[in-house]
Amino acid sequence: MNIGWQEILLILLIALLLFGAKKIPDLAKGLGKGIREFRKGLSEIENPIEEKKDKKPDDKTEEK
């Protein structure tokens, strides 16, 4: 089930009617900023995890 160009156009027209032409750029700017912050936070979480994977465990043998 794919969204065609007609459905996208309909969604954009409804958004234009609901928010007005002046509000849409502000909403898009806020959405872009939110996505950017989300990706930044996600990469901050992934980096330490990858660093832990790269470290090799010490080959210590336990003596009894």
N, C-alpha and C. Protein backbone atom coordinates (compact mmCIF):
# COMPACT_ATOMS: atom_id res chain seq x y z
N MET A 1 0.84 -1.17 0.00
CA MET A 1 0.00 0.00 0.00
C MET A 1 0.89 1.24 0.00
N ASN A 2 0.96 1.90 -1.12
CA ASN A 2 1.79 3.09 -1.27
C ASN A 2 0.92 4.33 -1.31
N ILE A 3 1.48 5.43 -0.86
CA ILE A 3 0.79 6.71 -0.93
C ILE A 3 1.17 7.36 -2.25
N GLY A 4 0.19 7.67 -3.05
CA GLY A 4 0.41 8.29 -4.35
C GLY A 4 0.51 9.80 -4.24
N TRP A 5 0.75 10.43 -5.37
CA TRP A 5 0.90 11.88 -5.36
C TRP A 5 -0.42 12.57 -5.05
N GLN A 6 -1.55 11.94 -5.39
CA GLN A 6 -2.84 12.55 -5.09
C GLN A 6 -3.09 12.62 -3.59
N GLU A 7 -2.73 11.56 -2.89
CA GLU A 7 -2.92 11.54 -1.44
C GLU A 7 -2.01 12.56 -0.75
N ILE A 8 -0.77 12.67 -1.22
CA ILE A 8 0.16 13.64 -0.65
C ILE A 8 -0.35 15.06 -0.88
N LEU A 9 -0.86 15.33 -2.08
CA LEU A 9 -1.41 16.64 -2.40
C LEU A 9 -2.61 16.95 -1.51
N LEU A 10 -3.47 15.98 -1.28
CA LEU A 10 -4.63 16.16 -0.41
C LEU A 10 -4.20 16.48 1.02
N ILE A 11 -3.21 15.76 1.52
CA ILE A 11 -2.70 16.00 2.88
C ILE A 11 -2.12 17.41 2.99
N LEU A 12 -1.37 17.84 1.97
CA LEU A 12 -0.78 19.18 1.99
C LEU A 12 -1.86 20.26 1.95
N LEU A 13 -2.90 20.04 1.16
CA LEU A 13 -4.00 21.02 1.10
C LEU A 13 -4.73 21.11 2.44
N ILE A 14 -4.96 19.99 3.07
CA ILE A 14 -5.62 20.00 4.38
C ILE A 14 -4.75 20.71 5.41
N ALA A 15 -3.44 20.45 5.37
CA ALA A 15 -2.52 21.13 6.29
C ALA A 15 -2.53 22.63 6.05
N LEU A 16 -2.59 23.03 4.79
CA LEU A 16 -2.63 24.44 4.44
C LEU A 16 -3.90 25.09 4.98
N LEU A 17 -5.02 24.39 4.88
CA LEU A 17 -6.27 24.93 5.39
C LEU A 17 -6.28 25.00 6.92
N LEU A 18 -5.71 24.00 7.57
CA LEU A 18 -5.72 23.97 9.03
C LEU A 18 -4.78 25.00 9.65
N PHE A 19 -3.57 25.09 9.12
CA PHE A 19 -2.55 25.91 9.76
C PHE A 19 -2.33 27.26 9.09
N GLY A 20 -2.70 27.41 7.86
CA GLY A 20 -2.48 28.66 7.15
C GLY A 20 -1.09 28.69 6.53
N ALA A 21 -0.94 29.55 5.53
CA ALA A 21 0.31 29.60 4.77
C ALA A 21 1.47 30.13 5.60
N LYS A 22 1.20 30.97 6.58
CA LYS A 22 2.28 31.57 7.38
C LYS A 22 2.82 30.61 8.43
N LYS A 23 2.01 29.70 8.90
CA LYS A 23 2.43 28.77 9.97
C LYS A 23 3.21 27.57 9.46
N ILE A 24 2.97 27.15 8.23
CA ILE A 24 3.59 25.92 7.71
C ILE A 24 5.12 25.99 7.71
N PRO A 25 5.76 27.09 7.27
CA PRO A 25 7.24 27.13 7.35
C PRO A 25 7.76 27.00 8.78
N ASP A 26 7.06 27.61 9.73
CA ASP A 26 7.47 27.50 11.13
C ASP A 26 7.33 26.06 11.63
N LEU A 27 6.25 25.40 11.24
CA LEU A 27 6.06 24.01 11.63
C LEU A 27 7.12 23.11 11.02
N ALA A 28 7.45 23.34 9.75
CA ALA A 28 8.48 22.53 9.08
C ALA A 28 9.84 22.77 9.72
N LYS A 29 10.12 24.00 10.09
CA LYS A 29 11.39 24.33 10.75
C LYS A 29 11.48 23.62 12.09
N GLY A 30 10.42 23.65 12.85
CA GLY A 30 10.40 22.96 14.15
C GLY A 30 10.53 21.45 14.00
N LEU A 31 9.88 20.90 13.00
CA LEU A 31 9.97 19.46 12.74
C LEU A 31 11.39 19.07 12.36
N GLY A 32 12.02 19.86 11.50
CA GLY A 32 13.40 19.59 11.10
C GLY A 32 14.35 19.67 12.27
N LYS A 33 14.15 20.65 13.13
CA LYS A 33 14.99 20.80 14.32
C LYS A 33 14.81 19.61 15.26
N GLY A 34 13.59 19.16 15.41
CA GLY A 34 13.32 18.00 16.27
C GLY A 34 13.96 16.73 15.74
N ILE A 35 13.88 16.53 14.43
CA ILE A 35 14.50 15.35 13.82
C ILE A 35 16.01 15.41 13.98
N ARG A 36 16.59 16.60 13.79
CA ARG A 36 18.04 16.77 13.94
C ARG A 36 18.49 16.45 15.36
N GLU A 37 17.75 16.92 16.34
CA GLU A 37 18.08 16.64 17.74
C GLU A 37 17.94 15.16 18.06
N PHE A 38 16.93 14.52 17.49
CA PHE A 38 16.73 13.09 17.71
C PHE A 38 17.90 12.30 17.15
N ARG A 39 18.32 12.63 15.93
CA ARG A 39 19.46 11.93 15.32
C ARG A 39 20.74 12.16 16.11
N LYS A 40 20.92 13.38 16.61
CA LYS A 40 22.11 13.70 17.41
C LYS A 40 22.11 12.87 18.68
N GLY A 41 20.99 12.78 19.34
CA GLY A 41 20.88 11.97 20.56
C GLY A 41 21.09 10.50 20.28
N LEU A 42 20.57 10.03 19.17
CA LEU A 42 20.74 8.64 18.79
C LEU A 42 22.20 8.31 18.52
N SER A 43 22.90 9.21 17.84
CA SER A 43 24.32 8.96 17.55
C SER A 43 25.15 9.02 18.83
N GLU A 44 24.76 9.86 19.78
CA GLU A 44 25.48 9.93 21.06
C GLU A 44 25.32 8.63 21.84
N ILE A 45 24.20 7.98 21.69
CA ILE A 45 23.97 6.70 22.36
C ILE A 45 24.72 5.58 21.64
N GLU A 46 24.73 5.61 20.30
CA GLU A 46 25.36 4.55 19.53
C GLU A 46 26.88 4.56 19.66
N ASN A 47 27.50 5.73 19.75
CA ASN A 47 28.96 5.81 19.80
C ASN A 47 29.56 5.05 20.98
N PRO A 48 29.09 5.23 22.22
CA PRO A 48 29.67 4.45 23.32
C PRO A 48 29.44 2.94 23.17
N ILE A 49 28.31 2.56 22.60
CA ILE A 49 28.03 1.14 22.40
C ILE A 49 29.03 0.55 21.41
N GLU A 50 29.29 1.26 20.32
CA GLU A 50 30.25 0.77 19.33
C GLU A 50 31.66 0.74 19.90
N GLU A 51 32.00 1.71 20.76
CA GLU A 51 33.33 1.71 21.38
C GLU A 51 33.51 0.50 22.27
N LYS A 52 32.46 0.11 22.98
CA LYS A 52 32.54 -1.07 23.84
C LYS A 52 32.70 -2.33 23.01
N LYS A 53 32.07 -2.38 21.84
CA LYS A 53 32.20 -3.54 20.97
C LYS A 53 33.62 -3.65 20.42
N ASP A 54 34.23 -2.48 20.14
CA ASP A 54 35.57 -2.47 19.56
C ASP A 54 36.63 -2.91 20.56
N LYS A 55 36.41 -2.65 21.84
CA LYS A 55 37.38 -3.05 22.86
C LYS A 55 37.39 -4.56 22.98
N LYS A 56 38.58 -5.11 23.04
CA LYS A 56 38.69 -6.56 23.22
C LYS A 56 38.78 -6.86 24.70
N PRO A 57 38.11 -7.89 25.13
CA PRO A 57 38.20 -8.24 26.56
C PRO A 57 39.62 -8.71 26.89
N ASP A 58 40.04 -8.43 28.11
CA ASP A 58 41.37 -8.85 28.56
C ASP A 58 41.41 -10.37 28.67
N ASP A 59 42.52 -10.92 28.26
CA ASP A 59 42.68 -12.38 28.32
C ASP A 59 43.31 -12.75 29.66
N LYS A 60 42.59 -12.57 30.70
CA LYS A 60 43.08 -12.90 32.03
C LYS A 60 42.55 -14.27 32.42
N THR A 61 43.42 -15.07 32.93
CA THR A 61 42.99 -16.39 33.41
C THR A 61 42.90 -16.33 34.92
N GLU A 62 41.87 -16.92 35.40
CA GLU A 62 41.68 -16.92 36.85
C GLU A 62 42.46 -18.07 37.47
N GLU A 63 43.17 -17.75 38.53
CA GLU A 63 43.92 -18.79 39.24
C GLU A 63 43.16 -19.15 40.50
N LYS A 64 43.14 -20.43 40.80
CA LYS A 64 42.44 -20.91 41.99
C LYS A 64 43.41 -21.31 43.03
